[in-house]
N, C-alpha and C. Protein backbone atom coordinates (compact mmCIF):
# COMPACT_ATOMS: atom_id res chain seq x y z
N MET A 1 142.22 86.66 185.16
CA MET A 1 140.94 86.27 186.20
C MET A 1 139.20 87.05 186.11
N VAL A 2 138.69 86.03 185.42
CA VAL A 2 137.39 86.97 185.50
C VAL A 2 136.60 87.54 186.72
N ASP A 3 136.21 88.69 186.38
CA ASP A 3 135.65 89.33 187.55
C ASP A 3 134.09 88.83 187.04
N LEU A 4 133.57 87.95 188.22
CA LEU A 4 132.37 87.35 188.23
C LEU A 4 131.48 88.52 188.71
N GLN A 5 131.85 89.02 189.65
CA GLN A 5 130.57 90.12 189.73
C GLN A 5 130.09 91.41 188.64
N ARG A 6 131.01 91.82 188.09
CA ARG A 6 130.38 92.25 186.55
C ARG A 6 129.37 91.56 186.22
N PHE A 7 129.53 90.43 185.88
CA PHE A 7 128.41 89.93 185.08
C PHE A 7 127.72 89.05 185.77
N GLU A 8 127.47 88.78 186.86
CA GLU A 8 126.67 88.93 187.87
C GLU A 8 125.63 90.46 187.83
N ASP A 9 125.68 91.23 187.55
CA ASP A 9 125.03 92.24 187.51
C ASP A 9 124.31 93.03 186.74
N ALA A 10 125.05 92.22 185.43
CA ALA A 10 124.38 92.49 183.58
C ALA A 10 123.06 91.80 183.72
N HIS A 11 122.51 92.54 182.65
CA HIS A 11 121.33 91.82 182.56
C HIS A 11 121.07 91.91 181.11
N TYR A 12 120.87 90.66 180.27
CA TYR A 12 120.94 90.56 179.15
C TYR A 12 119.52 90.30 178.60
N LEU A 13 119.27 90.83 177.39
CA LEU A 13 118.20 90.86 176.54
C LEU A 13 118.22 90.06 175.25
N THR A 14 117.21 89.18 175.21
CA THR A 14 117.20 88.51 173.51
C THR A 14 117.39 89.36 172.55
N VAL A 15 117.44 88.69 171.29
CA VAL A 15 117.07 89.45 170.36
C VAL A 15 115.35 89.92 170.39
N ALA A 16 114.40 89.28 170.50
CA ALA A 16 113.27 89.46 170.25
C ALA A 16 112.73 90.37 171.51
N GLU A 17 113.33 90.37 172.49
CA GLU A 17 113.24 91.48 173.76
C GLU A 17 113.53 93.02 173.42
N VAL A 18 114.86 93.20 172.44
CA VAL A 18 115.49 94.52 172.15
C VAL A 18 114.70 94.88 170.85
N ALA A 19 114.13 93.76 169.63
CA ALA A 19 113.02 94.44 168.93
C ALA A 19 111.69 95.11 169.95
N GLN A 20 111.19 94.41 170.45
CA GLN A 20 109.88 94.74 171.20
C GLN A 20 110.14 95.98 171.84
N ALA A 21 111.49 96.32 172.72
CA ALA A 21 111.33 97.62 173.38
C ALA A 21 111.79 98.41 172.27
N MET A 22 112.68 98.29 171.21
CA MET A 22 113.06 99.43 170.03
C MET A 22 111.72 99.40 169.18
N ARG A 23 110.68 98.53 169.15
CA ARG A 23 109.67 98.73 167.95
C ARG A 23 110.21 98.45 166.63
N VAL A 24 111.03 97.72 166.45
CA VAL A 24 111.69 97.05 165.14
C VAL A 24 111.25 95.82 164.89
N SER A 25 111.97 95.31 163.90
CA SER A 25 111.98 93.94 163.55
C SER A 25 113.43 93.38 164.44
N LYS A 26 112.74 91.68 164.16
CA LYS A 26 113.95 90.98 164.91
C LYS A 26 115.17 91.61 163.83
N MET A 27 114.95 91.26 162.31
CA MET A 27 116.17 91.24 161.43
C MET A 27 116.74 92.68 161.58
N THR A 28 116.12 94.02 162.14
CA THR A 28 116.76 95.10 162.24
C THR A 28 117.66 95.00 163.26
N VAL A 29 117.31 94.49 164.42
CA VAL A 29 118.42 94.06 165.60
C VAL A 29 119.45 93.14 165.03
N TYR A 30 119.09 91.99 164.01
CA TYR A 30 120.27 91.36 163.83
C TYR A 30 120.95 92.01 162.63
N ARG A 31 120.60 93.24 162.20
CA ARG A 31 121.58 94.06 161.14
C ARG A 31 122.21 94.86 162.10
N MET A 32 121.59 95.69 163.08
CA MET A 32 122.44 96.64 164.05
C MET A 32 123.53 95.74 164.75
N VAL A 33 123.44 94.43 164.82
CA VAL A 33 124.34 93.87 165.54
C VAL A 33 125.65 93.35 164.68
N HIS A 34 125.16 92.88 163.51
CA HIS A 34 126.24 92.76 162.81
C HIS A 34 126.76 93.75 162.21
N ALA A 35 126.06 95.18 162.28
CA ALA A 35 127.14 96.09 161.60
C ALA A 35 127.74 96.83 162.48
N GLY A 36 127.66 96.20 163.94
CA GLY A 36 128.39 96.94 165.29
C GLY A 36 127.95 97.85 165.96
N ASP A 37 126.62 98.39 165.61
CA ASP A 37 125.94 99.25 165.65
C ASP A 37 125.46 99.13 167.66
N LEU A 38 125.25 97.78 167.71
CA LEU A 38 124.72 97.51 168.76
C LEU A 38 125.33 96.35 169.58
N PRO A 39 126.19 96.67 170.20
CA PRO A 39 126.93 95.23 170.94
C PRO A 39 126.04 93.99 171.30
N ALA A 40 126.95 92.90 171.19
CA ALA A 40 126.14 91.70 171.56
C ALA A 40 126.96 90.60 172.01
N VAL A 41 126.27 89.50 172.65
CA VAL A 41 127.31 88.62 173.07
C VAL A 41 126.68 86.88 172.45
N ARG A 42 127.25 86.36 172.23
CA ARG A 42 126.50 85.04 171.29
C ARG A 42 126.79 83.89 172.31
N PHE A 43 125.96 83.07 172.26
CA PHE A 43 125.57 82.30 173.07
C PHE A 43 125.08 81.43 171.87
N GLY A 44 126.07 80.12 171.85
CA GLY A 44 125.83 79.17 170.89
C GLY A 44 125.53 80.16 169.43
N ARG A 45 124.05 79.45 168.91
CA ARG A 45 123.66 80.39 168.12
C ARG A 45 122.62 81.59 168.05
N SER A 46 122.79 81.89 169.09
CA SER A 46 121.95 83.25 169.61
C SER A 46 122.54 84.10 170.50
N PHE A 47 122.19 85.38 170.11
CA PHE A 47 122.53 86.68 170.65
C PHE A 47 122.03 86.99 171.74
N ARG A 48 122.78 87.56 172.36
CA ARG A 48 122.33 88.42 173.70
C ARG A 48 122.59 89.83 174.14
N VAL A 49 121.69 90.80 173.94
CA VAL A 49 122.23 92.14 174.25
C VAL A 49 122.18 92.69 175.41
N PRO A 50 123.35 93.52 175.91
CA PRO A 50 123.10 94.28 177.33
C PRO A 50 122.27 94.92 177.65
N GLU A 51 121.21 95.41 178.57
CA GLU A 51 120.11 96.07 178.20
C GLU A 51 120.82 97.79 178.36
N ARG A 52 121.74 97.35 179.07
CA ARG A 52 122.42 98.77 179.28
C ARG A 52 123.02 99.15 177.70
N ALA A 53 123.19 98.53 177.04
CA ALA A 53 123.83 99.01 175.28
C ALA A 53 122.54 99.62 174.73
N VAL A 54 121.52 99.12 174.74
CA VAL A 54 120.08 99.26 174.22
C VAL A 54 119.51 100.69 174.76
N GLU A 55 119.75 100.83 176.54
CA GLU A 55 119.35 101.98 176.60
C GLU A 55 120.21 103.32 176.21
N GLU A 56 121.53 103.01 176.01
CA GLU A 56 122.42 104.07 175.57
C GLU A 56 122.10 104.16 174.27
N TYR A 57 121.77 103.46 173.59
CA TYR A 57 121.59 103.39 171.55
C TYR A 57 120.53 104.18 171.51
N LEU A 58 119.54 104.10 172.60
CA LEU A 58 117.86 104.77 172.18
C LEU A 58 118.26 106.39 172.68
N VAL A 59 118.87 106.23 173.67
CA VAL A 59 118.95 107.28 174.56
C VAL A 59 120.05 108.50 173.29
N ALA A 60 121.16 107.65 172.80
CA ALA A 60 121.81 108.65 171.81
C ALA A 60 120.86 108.97 170.58
N GLU A 61 120.11 108.19 170.13
CA GLU A 61 119.67 108.20 168.86
C GLU A 61 118.21 109.26 169.36
N GLN A 62 117.71 109.54 170.50
CA GLN A 62 116.88 110.39 170.65
C GLN A 62 117.56 111.66 170.49
N HIS A 63 118.85 112.05 171.02
CA HIS A 63 119.49 112.97 171.21
C HIS A 63 119.83 113.56 169.33
N ALA A 64 120.32 112.66 168.51
CA ALA A 64 120.42 112.61 167.23
C ALA A 64 119.53 113.02 166.64
N ALA A 65 118.13 112.79 167.00
CA ALA A 65 117.00 113.14 166.21
C ALA A 65 116.00 114.17 166.70
N ALA A 66 116.45 114.85 167.72
CA ALA A 66 115.93 116.43 168.73
C ALA A 66 115.80 117.17 167.52
N PRO A 67 115.05 118.04 167.54
CA PRO A 67 114.61 118.86 166.31
C PRO A 67 115.80 120.17 166.81
N VAL A 68 116.28 121.08 165.93
CA VAL A 68 117.12 121.88 165.96
C VAL A 68 115.90 123.44 166.45
N HIS A 69 116.05 124.03 167.03
CA HIS A 69 115.16 125.46 167.26
C HIS A 69 116.19 126.55 167.15
N ARG A 70 115.90 127.41 166.00
CA ARG A 70 116.47 128.22 165.88
C ARG A 70 116.01 129.70 166.22
N VAL A 71 116.71 130.70 166.74
CA VAL A 71 115.85 132.10 167.13
C VAL A 71 116.20 132.72 165.98
N GLN A 72 115.03 133.39 165.63
CA GLN A 72 114.96 134.56 164.43
C GLN A 72 115.54 135.78 165.28
N GLY A 73 116.45 136.46 164.25
CA GLY A 73 116.91 137.30 164.92
C GLY A 73 115.53 138.82 163.93
N SER A 74 116.09 139.86 164.77
CA SER A 74 115.04 141.08 164.13
C SER A 74 115.65 142.05 163.21
């Protein structure tokens, strides 16, 4: 049986909304979805991306891009 409460609490974004939030093109979002880097649900011919997945992706990328601080020894 499907847990409908889980789906009611989920918020989905269009590819255009994801592209705007990430400041990339829609084609970049489509590539990320097809590569499996960003999960998405297909509705007919369009995709919807869980808002939480976008947030998690951006946080992970932010940590990956963080500069490394080195302490110089004397």
